[in-house]
Amino acid sequence: MDDLDRRITGALLANPRASNAQISDAVFTSEATASRRVARLVRDGDVRVIGVLDGEATGRSRSLFVRLRCRPGEAHRSAQRIAAWSACGSVKLVTGSVDCIAEIGYTSNDHLLALTLEQLPALDGVLAVWSNQVIRRFATPHSWLPDLLPDEIVEQLRAQRLDPWADPLPDRRVRTDALDERIAAALAEDGRLGWQRLGELCDVSPVTVRRRAEAMMASGALRMRTVIEPERIGLPVNAFVALSVNPTQLSRAGELLAGHPSVLMISATTGDRNLCGEVALASDAALYAFISETIGGLPGLQHADVAVALHSLKRAGRTRHLTAVR
């Protein structure tokens, strides 16, 4: 990506459904250029804009981080099998004390039981499984925005959004019906669909589909997200952090990390680690500074485990091209 591509990506991260006119104003280019660049970034697969029915807001699912230790030579195969699960949102091969890290959605305690005690341990090559349930989200990829645009431009773009970009969401359940789910499914494929085309896909009028979509966005049920591999915007060092923090300082530590531009997501969890998340940085030196200064300076920190991603097999529910790791 060149500088204009990165700034346009920053605008899309700040407001995934920003119009081409809004994007052109934010990055100081013509509307025609913004339109052409956005279309190319999406067509080439560098950027993906999606709509996501929030599992917690709708009561459809909750999230689980799993960390796997595998037999030598088996990690890639195990990660591929997990990536094929529809409930799996992301999978990475990593260095460190574990070989594979994934985020999986579960719908009930029975589903969680089957995942942790049956399906994951039964994978060929898996030697050990650690699982951490998400119990509070401090930041998700919906709010991630590295330093690509000035703060005032980011604020303007975010102010134009109907969906909540920050976490946590209001503690209430939102009901959705069959039409809502058809709208969300269409936006999951292309989050920048216009109202006319979205209405055609859902067999309703543009007015109806817009009213329904905007109502879901305003309630927090439907959240828009721009998906990009961090390496495409100059952040090739992607890592998963699993921290143990004194419970009395957990909220403060989570809020501090949520405000850092390198943090894609951070959540309070159950299990052997109570604060887990993902970061993206420009270099090993930047990772060192993040570990020593940001993580090291967290109140109540007791233990830190950092696993650097070697290969991302799946992100935001879509599998990347799976090549053999050599």
Protein backbone atom coordinates (compact mmCIF):
# COMPACT_ATOMS: atom_id res chain seq x y z
CA MET A 1 0.00 0.00 0.00
CA ASP A 2 1.13 3.56 -0.64
CA ASP A 3 0.43 6.43 1.74
CA LEU A 4 -2.98 7.25 0.24
CA ASP A 5 -4.05 3.60 0.43
CA ARG A 6 -3.08 3.53 4.10
CA ARG A 7 -4.99 6.73 4.85
CA ILE A 8 -8.07 5.39 3.05
CA THR A 9 -7.75 2.18 5.05
CA GLY A 10 -7.60 4.28 8.20
CA ALA A 11 -10.82 6.04 7.16
CA LEU A 12 -12.50 2.67 6.59
CA LEU A 13 -11.30 1.41 9.97
CA ALA A 14 -12.77 4.51 11.61
CA ASN A 15 -16.06 4.24 9.70
CA PRO A 16 -16.49 1.09 7.57
CA ARG A 17 -19.60 2.42 5.79
CA ALA A 18 -18.28 5.93 5.20
CA SER A 19 -19.33 7.23 1.80
CA ASN A 20 -16.70 7.86 -0.84
CA ALA A 21 -17.34 11.59 -0.37
CA GLN A 22 -16.69 11.31 3.38
CA ILE A 23 -13.53 9.31 2.72
CA SER A 24 -12.26 11.81 0.16
CA ASP A 25 -12.77 14.66 2.65
CA ALA A 26 -10.92 12.71 5.36
CA VAL A 27 -7.86 11.89 3.23
CA PHE A 28 -7.76 15.07 1.11
CA THR A 29 -8.29 13.59 -2.33
CA SER A 30 -11.03 13.69 -4.94
CA GLU A 31 -14.17 11.61 -4.57
CA ALA A 32 -13.39 9.84 -7.85
CA THR A 33 -9.94 8.85 -6.60
CA ALA A 34 -11.35 7.67 -3.25
CA SER A 35 -14.00 5.60 -5.04
CA ARG A 36 -11.44 4.02 -7.35
CA ARG A 37 -8.99 3.27 -4.53
CA VAL A 38 -11.64 1.76 -2.23
CA ALA A 39 -12.91 -0.46 -5.03
CA ARG A 40 -9.39 -1.69 -5.78
CA LEU A 41 -8.52 -2.37 -2.14
CA VAL A 42 -11.68 -4.42 -1.72
CA ARG A 43 -11.35 -6.20 -5.08
CA ASP A 44 -7.74 -7.19 -4.42
CA GLY A 45 -8.61 -8.52 -0.98
CA ASP A 46 -6.41 -6.06 0.90
CA VAL A 47 -9.43 -4.70 2.78
CA ARG A 48 -12.73 -6.37 3.67
CA VAL A 49 -15.73 -4.57 5.14
CA ILE A 50 -18.24 -6.77 6.94
CA GLY A 51 -21.32 -6.54 9.12
CA VAL A 52 -21.32 -8.74 12.22
CA LEU A 53 -24.28 -9.71 14.39
CA ASP A 54 -22.79 -9.21 17.83
CA GLY A 55 -23.03 -12.54 19.64
CA GLU A 56 -23.30 -11.06 23.12
CA ALA A 57 -25.73 -8.26 22.22
CA THR A 58 -28.07 -10.74 20.52
CA GLY A 59 -27.46 -13.61 22.93
CA ARG A 60 -26.40 -15.84 20.05
CA SER A 61 -22.91 -16.79 21.22
CA ARG A 62 -19.96 -16.04 23.48
CA SER A 63 -16.24 -16.17 22.81
CA LEU A 64 -13.52 -18.57 23.90
CA PHE A 65 -9.76 -18.25 23.39
CA VAL A 66 -7.98 -21.60 23.08
CA ARG A 67 -4.25 -22.20 23.16
CA LEU A 68 -2.92 -25.52 21.90
CA ARG A 69 0.38 -27.29 22.32
CA CYS A 70 0.95 -29.79 19.53
CA ARG A 71 3.34 -32.58 18.63
CA PRO A 72 6.26 -31.46 16.45
CA GLY A 73 5.11 -31.17 12.85
CA GLU A 74 1.37 -31.35 13.69
CA ALA A 75 0.51 -27.74 14.56
CA HIS A 76 -0.30 -26.64 11.01
CA ARG A 77 -2.61 -29.59 10.42
CA SER A 78 -4.43 -29.03 13.72
CA ALA A 79 -4.82 -25.32 12.98
CA GLN A 80 -6.27 -26.11 9.56
CA ARG A 81 -8.87 -28.40 11.10
CA ILE A 82 -9.92 -25.74 13.61
CA ALA A 83 -10.07 -23.12 10.85
CA ALA A 84 -12.61 -25.30 9.03
CA TRP A 85 -15.05 -25.07 11.96
CA SER A 86 -17.83 -22.55 11.31
CA ALA A 87 -17.72 -21.46 14.97
CA CYS A 88 -14.05 -20.50 14.63
CA GLY A 89 -13.41 -16.81 14.05
CA SER A 90 -9.62 -16.75 13.93
CA VAL A 91 -6.64 -19.11 14.06
CA LYS A 92 -2.91 -18.40 14.21
CA LEU A 93 0.25 -20.45 14.37
CA VAL A 94 2.51 -18.86 16.97
CA THR A 95 5.87 -19.13 18.69
CA GLY A 96 6.34 -19.50 22.41
CA SER A 97 4.86 -21.82 25.02
CA VAL A 98 2.01 -22.86 22.68
CA ASP A 99 1.82 -23.60 18.95
CA CYS A 100 -1.67 -22.49 17.95
CA ILE A 101 -4.16 -19.91 19.22
CA ALA A 102 -7.79 -19.64 18.11
CA GLU A 103 -10.95 -17.73 18.97
CA ILE A 104 -14.10 -19.85 18.89
CA GLY A 105 -17.73 -18.91 19.46
CA TYR A 106 -19.91 -21.16 21.62
CA THR A 107 -23.67 -21.08 22.06
CA SER A 108 -24.27 -22.93 25.35
CA ASN A 109 -22.54 -24.70 28.21
CA ASP A 110 -23.15 -28.00 26.42
CA HIS A 111 -21.41 -26.62 23.34
CA LEU A 112 -18.53 -25.36 25.49
CA LEU A 113 -18.26 -28.76 27.17
CA ALA A 114 -18.07 -30.52 23.80
CA LEU A 115 -15.42 -28.08 22.55
CA THR A 116 -13.09 -28.19 25.53
CA LEU A 117 -13.42 -31.80 26.64
CA GLU A 118 -14.13 -33.60 23.37
CA GLN A 119 -13.49 -31.83 20.06
CA LEU A 120 -10.25 -29.97 20.83
CA PRO A 121 -8.49 -32.80 22.72
CA ALA A 122 -9.54 -35.23 19.97
CA LEU A 123 -7.63 -33.34 17.26
CA ASP A 124 -4.71 -35.37 15.94
CA GLY A 125 -1.42 -34.03 17.24
CA VAL A 126 -2.83 -31.95 20.11
CA LEU A 127 -0.96 -32.55 23.36
CA ALA A 128 -2.53 -29.93 25.64
CA VAL A 129 -5.38 -27.41 25.56
CA TRP A 130 -5.84 -24.21 27.59
CA SER A 131 -9.15 -22.37 27.32
CA ASN A 132 -10.12 -18.88 28.47
CA GLN A 133 -13.73 -17.69 28.32
CA VAL A 134 -14.27 -14.02 27.50
CA ILE A 135 -16.27 -12.40 30.31
CA ARG A 136 -15.74 -8.71 29.50
CA ARG A 137 -14.52 -6.99 26.37
CA PHE A 138 -12.43 -3.87 26.80
CA ALA A 139 -11.64 -3.49 23.08
CA THR A 140 -12.49 -5.48 19.95
CA PRO A 141 -11.34 -5.16 16.32
CA HIS A 142 -14.41 -2.95 15.74
CA SER A 143 -12.59 -0.17 17.58
CA TRP A 144 -9.02 -0.86 16.44
CA LEU A 145 -7.39 2.06 14.66
CA PRO A 146 -3.60 2.35 14.42
CA ASP A 147 -2.00 5.72 13.80
CA LEU A 148 -3.04 6.24 10.17
CA LEU A 149 -5.03 9.49 10.45
CA PRO A 150 -5.01 12.58 12.70
CA ASP A 151 -7.16 12.27 15.81
CA GLU A 152 -9.59 14.99 14.74
CA ILE A 153 -10.28 13.20 11.44
CA VAL A 154 -10.86 9.93 13.28
CA GLU A 155 -13.33 11.63 15.61
CA GLN A 156 -15.25 13.09 12.67
CA LEU A 157 -15.50 9.73 10.93
CA ARG A 158 -16.53 7.88 14.07
CA ALA A 159 -19.17 10.51 14.81
CA GLN A 160 -20.81 9.59 11.49
CA ARG A 161 -21.24 5.93 12.50
CA LEU A 162 -24.58 4.54 13.61
CA ASP A 163 -23.14 1.36 15.13
CA PRO A 164 -21.21 1.46 18.42
CA TRP A 165 -17.49 1.12 17.78
CA ALA A 166 -16.39 1.14 21.42
CA ASP A 167 -16.69 -1.58 24.04
CA PRO A 168 -18.30 -2.70 26.27
CA LEU A 169 -21.78 -2.64 24.77
CA PRO A 170 -24.88 -1.90 26.89
CA ASP A 171 -25.83 -4.90 29.02
CA ARG A 172 -29.07 -5.79 27.26
CA ARG A 173 -30.26 -8.38 24.76
CA VAL A 174 -31.52 -7.31 21.34
CA ARG A 175 -34.09 -9.45 19.52
CA THR A 176 -33.64 -10.10 15.81
CA ASP A 177 -35.98 -11.76 13.33
CA ALA A 178 -35.56 -13.58 10.02
CA LEU A 179 -35.35 -10.36 7.97
CA ASP A 180 -32.74 -8.90 10.32
CA GLU A 181 -30.66 -12.03 9.89
CA ARG A 182 -30.94 -11.92 6.09
CA ILE A 183 -29.76 -8.31 6.14
CA ALA A 184 -26.86 -9.19 8.43
CA ALA A 185 -25.91 -12.17 6.26
CA ALA A 186 -25.77 -9.97 3.14
CA LEU A 187 -23.66 -7.36 4.94
CA ALA A 188 -21.36 -10.10 6.22
CA GLU A 189 -20.41 -10.70 2.59
CA ASP A 190 -20.16 -7.03 1.64
CA GLY A 191 -20.48 -4.45 4.38
CA ARG A 192 -20.54 -1.54 1.92
CA LEU A 193 -23.61 -2.62 -0.01
CA GLY A 194 -25.92 0.25 -0.93
CA TRP A 195 -29.50 0.23 0.32
CA GLN A 196 -30.94 -0.44 -3.15
CA ARG A 197 -28.81 -3.55 -3.72
CA LEU A 198 -29.27 -4.73 -0.14
CA GLY A 199 -33.04 -4.46 -0.54
CA GLU A 200 -32.89 -6.50 -3.74
CA LEU A 201 -30.89 -9.24 -2.02
CA CYS A 202 -33.32 -9.36 0.91
CA ASP A 203 -36.55 -9.03 -1.19
CA VAL A 204 -37.70 -5.85 0.56
CA SER A 205 -37.72 -2.16 -0.29
CA PRO A 206 -34.60 -0.02 0.20
CA VAL A 207 -36.52 2.02 2.78
CA THR A 208 -37.35 -1.07 4.82
CA VAL A 209 -33.89 -2.56 4.65
CA ARG A 210 -32.29 0.74 5.64
CA ARG A 211 -34.65 1.21 8.58
CA ARG A 212 -33.99 -2.33 9.82
CA ALA A 213 -30.21 -2.15 9.35
CA GLU A 214 -29.91 1.25 11.03
CA ALA A 215 -32.07 0.07 13.95
CA MET A 216 -29.80 -2.96 14.43
CA MET A 217 -26.72 -0.76 14.26
CA ALA A 218 -28.10 1.73 16.79
CA SER A 219 -28.97 -1.07 19.22
CA GLY A 220 -25.52 -2.68 19.01
CA ALA A 221 -26.88 -5.86 17.44
CA LEU A 222 -25.19 -5.16 14.09
CA ARG A 223 -21.63 -3.90 14.14
CA MET A 224 -19.59 -2.91 11.13
CA ARG A 225 -15.93 -3.83 10.84
CA THR A 226 -13.08 -3.27 8.43
CA VAL A 227 -10.84 -6.33 8.32
CA ILE A 228 -7.21 -6.14 7.28
CA GLU A 229 -4.10 -8.13 8.03
CA PRO A 230 -1.89 -5.74 10.04
CA GLU A 231 1.14 -6.48 7.84
CA ARG A 232 -0.62 -4.75 4.91
CA ILE A 233 -0.40 -1.40 6.71
CA GLY A 234 3.18 -1.79 7.90
CA LEU A 235 2.57 -3.70 11.13
CA PRO A 236 4.14 -7.12 10.47
CA VAL A 237 4.68 -8.12 14.12
CA ASN A 238 1.37 -9.63 15.27
CA ALA A 239 1.24 -11.20 18.73
CA PHE A 240 -1.17 -12.68 21.26
CA VAL A 241 -0.76 -11.63 24.88
CA ALA A 242 -2.04 -13.71 27.81
CA LEU A 243 -1.63 -11.92 31.13
CA SER A 244 -2.27 -12.60 34.79
CA VAL A 245 -3.28 -9.44 36.66
CA ASN A 246 -4.29 -8.94 40.28
CA PRO A 247 -8.12 -9.01 40.16
CA THR A 248 -8.32 -5.69 42.01
CA GLN A 249 -6.45 -4.05 39.09
CA LEU A 250 -8.02 -6.00 36.22
CA SER A 251 -10.40 -3.29 35.01
CA ARG A 252 -7.72 -0.60 35.13
CA ALA A 253 -5.21 -2.76 33.25
CA GLY A 254 -7.80 -3.68 30.60
CA GLU A 255 -8.80 -0.06 30.06
CA LEU A 256 -5.17 1.05 29.74
CA LEU A 257 -4.47 -1.59 27.08
CA ALA A 258 -7.73 -0.81 25.26
CA GLY A 259 -6.54 2.76 24.75
CA HIS A 260 -3.26 1.74 23.10
CA PRO A 261 -3.23 1.99 19.26
CA SER A 262 -1.29 -1.27 18.93
CA VAL A 263 -4.02 -3.31 20.65
CA LEU A 264 -6.49 -4.95 18.26
CA MET A 265 -8.51 -6.52 21.05
CA ILE A 266 -8.28 -7.14 24.79
CA SER A 267 -10.68 -9.01 27.06
CA ALA A 268 -11.01 -10.16 30.64
CA THR A 269 -11.10 -13.95 30.71
CA THR A 270 -11.47 -16.94 32.98
CA GLY A 271 -8.86 -19.68 33.33
CA ASP A 272 -5.12 -19.54 33.84
CA ARG A 273 -4.90 -16.02 32.37
CA ASN A 274 -7.39 -13.26 33.12
CA LEU A 275 -6.49 -10.70 30.41
CA CYS A 276 -6.01 -11.85 26.81
CA GLY A 277 -5.72 -10.04 23.53
CA GLU A 278 -3.95 -9.33 20.25
CA VAL A 279 -1.45 -6.62 19.29
CA ALA A 280 0.13 -5.47 16.02
CA LEU A 281 3.39 -3.54 15.81
CA ALA A 282 5.90 -2.30 13.25
CA SER A 283 9.00 -4.19 14.45
CA ASP A 284 10.58 -6.41 17.06
CA ALA A 285 11.94 -3.27 18.67
CA ALA A 286 8.40 -1.91 18.95
CA LEU A 287 7.25 -5.22 20.45
CA TYR A 288 10.08 -5.03 22.99
CA ALA A 289 9.04 -1.50 23.94
CA PHE A 290 5.40 -2.56 24.21
CA ILE A 291 6.30 -5.50 26.48
CA SER A 292 8.76 -3.62 28.68
CA GLU A 293 6.90 -0.32 28.94
CA THR A 294 3.19 -0.87 28.30
CA ILE A 295 2.73 -4.40 29.64
CA GLY A 296 5.48 -4.02 32.22
CA GLY A 297 3.85 -0.85 33.53
CA LEU A 298 0.38 -2.33 33.99
CA PRO A 299 -0.98 -2.10 37.53
CA GLY A 300 -1.19 -5.46 39.26
CA LEU A 301 0.73 -7.41 36.59
CA GLN A 302 1.78 -10.85 37.84
CA HIS A 303 2.69 -12.80 34.70
CA ALA A 304 2.93 -12.12 30.97
CA ASP A 305 3.07 -14.60 28.10
CA VAL A 306 3.59 -13.20 24.58
CA ALA A 307 3.23 -15.48 21.54
CA VAL A 308 4.26 -13.99 18.18
CA ALA A 309 2.12 -15.04 15.22
CA LEU A 310 3.95 -16.84 12.42
CA HIS A 311 0.99 -17.44 10.13
CA SER A 312 -2.64 -16.28 10.27
CA LEU A 313 -4.90 -18.98 8.85
CA LYS A 314 -8.22 -17.30 9.56
CA ARG A 315 -9.38 -13.82 10.57
CA ALA A 316 -12.93 -12.52 11.08
CA GLY A 317 -14.41 -15.82 9.97
CA ARG A 318 -12.66 -16.04 6.62
CA THR A 319 -9.92 -18.58 5.90
CA ARG A 320 -6.78 -17.31 4.23
CA HIS A 321 -4.91 -19.30 1.60
CA LEU A 322 -3.41 -22.21 3.49
CA THR A 323 0.13 -22.88 2.43
CA ALA A 324 2.53 -25.30 3.97
CA VAL A 325 4.82 -23.81 6.59
CA ARG A 326 8.47 -24.54 5.84
